[in-house]
């Protein structure tokens, strides 16, 4: 919903929001972001399976962090999905 936040705030009558975006970026041996990717996918696969998403049971999550780390290598970099935030003052 990140890029829709401005429209949602305006349609809700909250005025012009202050928007920000933040993303994790990094790489190299042992970077914690690799594990974050694996854990995020693990949670998504569980949700997809419960929802009956076709192919969810074929996704191999175990070891994903190591596979990505190996693929990125020592000098590569990963940019995680940005998190978008918004806030506005109401009435003065």
C-alpha atoms as a PDB file:
ATOM      1  CA  UNK A   1       0.000   0.000   0.000  1.00  0.00           C
ATOM      2  CA  UNK A   2       3.071   2.256   0.316  1.00  0.00           C
ATOM      3  CA  UNK A   3       2.631   4.293  -2.847  1.00  0.00           C
ATOM      4  CA  UNK A   4      -1.113   4.590  -2.227  1.00  0.00           C
ATOM      5  CA  UNK A   5      -0.718   6.215   1.204  1.00  0.00           C
ATOM      6  CA  UNK A   6      -0.810   9.782  -0.092  1.00  0.00           C
ATOM      7  CA  UNK A   7      -4.061   9.184  -1.978  1.00  0.00           C
ATOM      8  CA  UNK A   8      -5.604   7.383   1.007  1.00  0.00           C
ATOM      9  CA  UNK A   9      -4.706  10.227   3.379  1.00  0.00           C
ATOM     10  CA  UNK A  10      -6.117  12.830   0.991  1.00  0.00           C
ATOM     11  CA  UNK A  11      -9.339  10.869   0.386  1.00  0.00           C
ATOM     12  CA  UNK A  12      -9.747  10.457   4.161  1.00  0.00           C
ATOM     13  CA  UNK A  13      -9.561  14.232   4.601  1.00  0.00           C
ATOM     14  CA  UNK A  14      -6.331  14.073   6.602  1.00  0.00           C
ATOM     15  CA  UNK A  15      -4.514  16.637   4.464  1.00  0.00           C
ATOM     16  CA  UNK A  16      -1.162  16.379   2.776  1.00  0.00           C
ATOM     17  CA  UNK A  17       0.833  13.616   4.501  1.00  0.00           C
ATOM     18  CA  UNK A  18       4.528  13.629   5.274  1.00  0.00           C
ATOM     19  CA  UNK A  19       5.865  10.562   3.500  1.00  0.00           C
ATOM     20  CA  UNK A  20       9.065   8.628   4.044  1.00  0.00           C
ATOM     21  CA  UNK A  21      10.605   5.429   2.773  1.00  0.00           C
ATOM     22  CA  UNK A  22      13.301   3.300   4.324  1.00  0.00           C
ATOM     23  CA  UNK A  23      14.952   0.178   2.996  1.00  0.00           C
ATOM     24  CA  UNK A  24      17.582  -2.170   4.331  1.00  0.00           C
ATOM     25  CA  UNK A  25      20.562  -2.534   2.046  1.00  0.00           C
ATOM     26  CA  UNK A  26      23.647  -4.622   2.586  1.00  0.00           C
ATOM     27  CA  UNK A  27      25.504  -7.795   1.819  1.00  0.00           C
ATOM     28  CA  UNK A  28      28.656  -9.686   2.571  1.00  0.00           C
ATOM     29  CA  UNK A  29      29.281 -12.717   4.728  1.00  0.00           C
ATOM     30  CA  UNK A  30      26.888 -12.987   7.667  1.00  0.00           C
ATOM     31  CA  UNK A  31      24.692  -9.998   6.738  1.00  0.00           C
ATOM     32  CA  UNK A  32      21.478 -10.392   8.830  1.00  0.00           C
ATOM     33  CA  UNK A  33      19.285  -9.372   5.895  1.00  0.00           C
ATOM     34  CA  UNK A  34      19.746 -12.808   4.327  1.00  0.00           C
ATOM     35  CA  UNK A  35      18.055 -14.433   7.322  1.00  0.00           C
ATOM     36  CA  UNK A  36      15.342 -11.771   7.278  1.00  0.00           C
ATOM     37  CA  UNK A  37      14.525 -12.687   3.680  1.00  0.00           C
ATOM     38  CA  UNK A  38      14.290 -16.378   4.579  1.00  0.00           C
ATOM     39  CA  UNK A  39      12.097 -15.777   7.625  1.00  0.00           C
ATOM     40  CA  UNK A  40       9.821 -13.416   5.702  1.00  0.00           C
ATOM     41  CA  UNK A  41       9.353 -15.971   2.935  1.00  0.00           C
ATOM     42  CA  UNK A  42       8.753 -18.721   5.502  1.00  0.00           C
ATOM     43  CA  UNK A  43       5.898 -16.680   6.994  1.00  0.00           C
ATOM     44  CA  UNK A  44       4.479 -15.871   3.569  1.00  0.00           C
ATOM     45  CA  UNK A  45       4.559 -19.504   2.450  1.00  0.00           C
ATOM     46  CA  UNK A  46       2.641 -20.549   5.567  1.00  0.00           C
ATOM     47  CA  UNK A  47      -0.006 -17.925   4.819  1.00  0.00           C
ATOM     48  CA  UNK A  48      -0.129 -18.851   1.128  1.00  0.00           C
ATOM     49  CA  UNK A  49      -0.532 -22.528   2.010  1.00  0.00           C
ATOM     50  CA  UNK A  50      -3.444 -21.798   4.347  1.00  0.00           C
ATOM     51  CA  UNK A  51      -5.013 -19.668   1.605  1.00  0.00           C
ATOM     52  CA  UNK A  52      -4.614 -22.484  -0.910  1.00  0.00           C
ATOM     53  CA  UNK A  53      -2.201 -20.667  -3.218  1.00  0.00           C
ATOM     54  CA  UNK A  54      -1.116 -23.064  -5.933  1.00  0.00           C
ATOM     55  CA  UNK A  55       2.568 -24.006  -5.760  1.00  0.00           C
ATOM     56  CA  UNK A  56       3.148 -22.658  -2.239  1.00  0.00           C
ATOM     57  CA  UNK A  57       4.061 -26.143  -1.048  1.00  0.00           C
ATOM     58  CA  UNK A  58       6.799 -26.377  -3.702  1.00  0.00           C
ATOM     59  CA  UNK A  59       8.803 -23.391  -2.448  1.00  0.00           C
ATOM     60  CA  UNK A  60      12.017 -24.495  -0.732  1.00  0.00           C
ATOM     61  CA  UNK A  61      12.560 -22.077   2.142  1.00  0.00           C
ATOM     62  CA  UNK A  62      15.097 -23.998   4.229  1.00  0.00           C
ATOM     63  CA  UNK A  63      18.593 -22.804   3.392  1.00  0.00           C
ATOM     64  CA  UNK A  64      17.377 -19.821   1.371  1.00  0.00           C
ATOM     65  CA  UNK A  65      19.535 -17.377   3.352  1.00  0.00           C
ATOM     66  CA  UNK A  66      22.661 -19.366   2.532  1.00  0.00           C
ATOM     67  CA  UNK A  67      21.705 -19.695  -1.133  1.00  0.00           C
ATOM     68  CA  UNK A  68      21.136 -15.960  -1.495  1.00  0.00           C
ATOM     69  CA  UNK A  69      24.343 -15.152   0.398  1.00  0.00           C
ATOM     70  CA  UNK A  70      26.286 -17.453  -1.915  1.00  0.00           C
ATOM     71  CA  UNK A  71      24.667 -15.905  -5.003  1.00  0.00           C
ATOM     72  CA  UNK A  72      25.330 -12.330  -3.837  1.00  0.00           C
ATOM     73  CA  UNK A  73      28.920 -13.172  -2.992  1.00  0.00           C
ATOM     74  CA  UNK A  74      31.407 -11.193  -0.966  1.00  0.00           C
ATOM     75  CA  UNK A  75      31.067  -7.928  -2.894  1.00  0.00           C
ATOM     76  CA  UNK A  76      27.389  -7.985  -3.955  1.00  0.00           C
ATOM     77  CA  UNK A  77      24.602  -5.946  -2.439  1.00  0.00           C
ATOM     78  CA  UNK A  78      20.931  -6.644  -1.715  1.00  0.00           C
ATOM     79  CA  UNK A  79      18.256  -3.943  -1.512  1.00  0.00           C
ATOM     80  CA  UNK A  80      15.264  -5.007   0.545  1.00  0.00           C
ATOM     81  CA  UNK A  81      11.715  -3.911  -0.225  1.00  0.00           C
ATOM     82  CA  UNK A  82      11.266  -0.357   1.108  1.00  0.00           C
ATOM     83  CA  UNK A  83       8.902   0.350   3.979  1.00  0.00           C
ATOM     84  CA  UNK A  84       6.821   3.470   3.392  1.00  0.00           C
ATOM     85  CA  UNK A  85       5.410   5.559   6.216  1.00  0.00           C
ATOM     86  CA  UNK A  86       3.065   8.518   6.313  1.00  0.00           C
ATOM     87  CA  UNK A  87       1.727  10.941   8.892  1.00  0.00           C
ATOM     88  CA  UNK A  88      -0.342  14.101   8.891  1.00  0.00           C
ATOM     89  CA  UNK A  89      -1.563  16.696  11.356  1.00  0.00           C
ATOM     90  CA  UNK A  90      -5.279  17.071  11.694  1.00  0.00           C
ATOM     91  CA  UNK A  91      -6.796  20.380  12.776  1.00  0.00           C
ATOM     92  CA  UNK A  92      -4.090  22.880  13.392  1.00  0.00           C
END
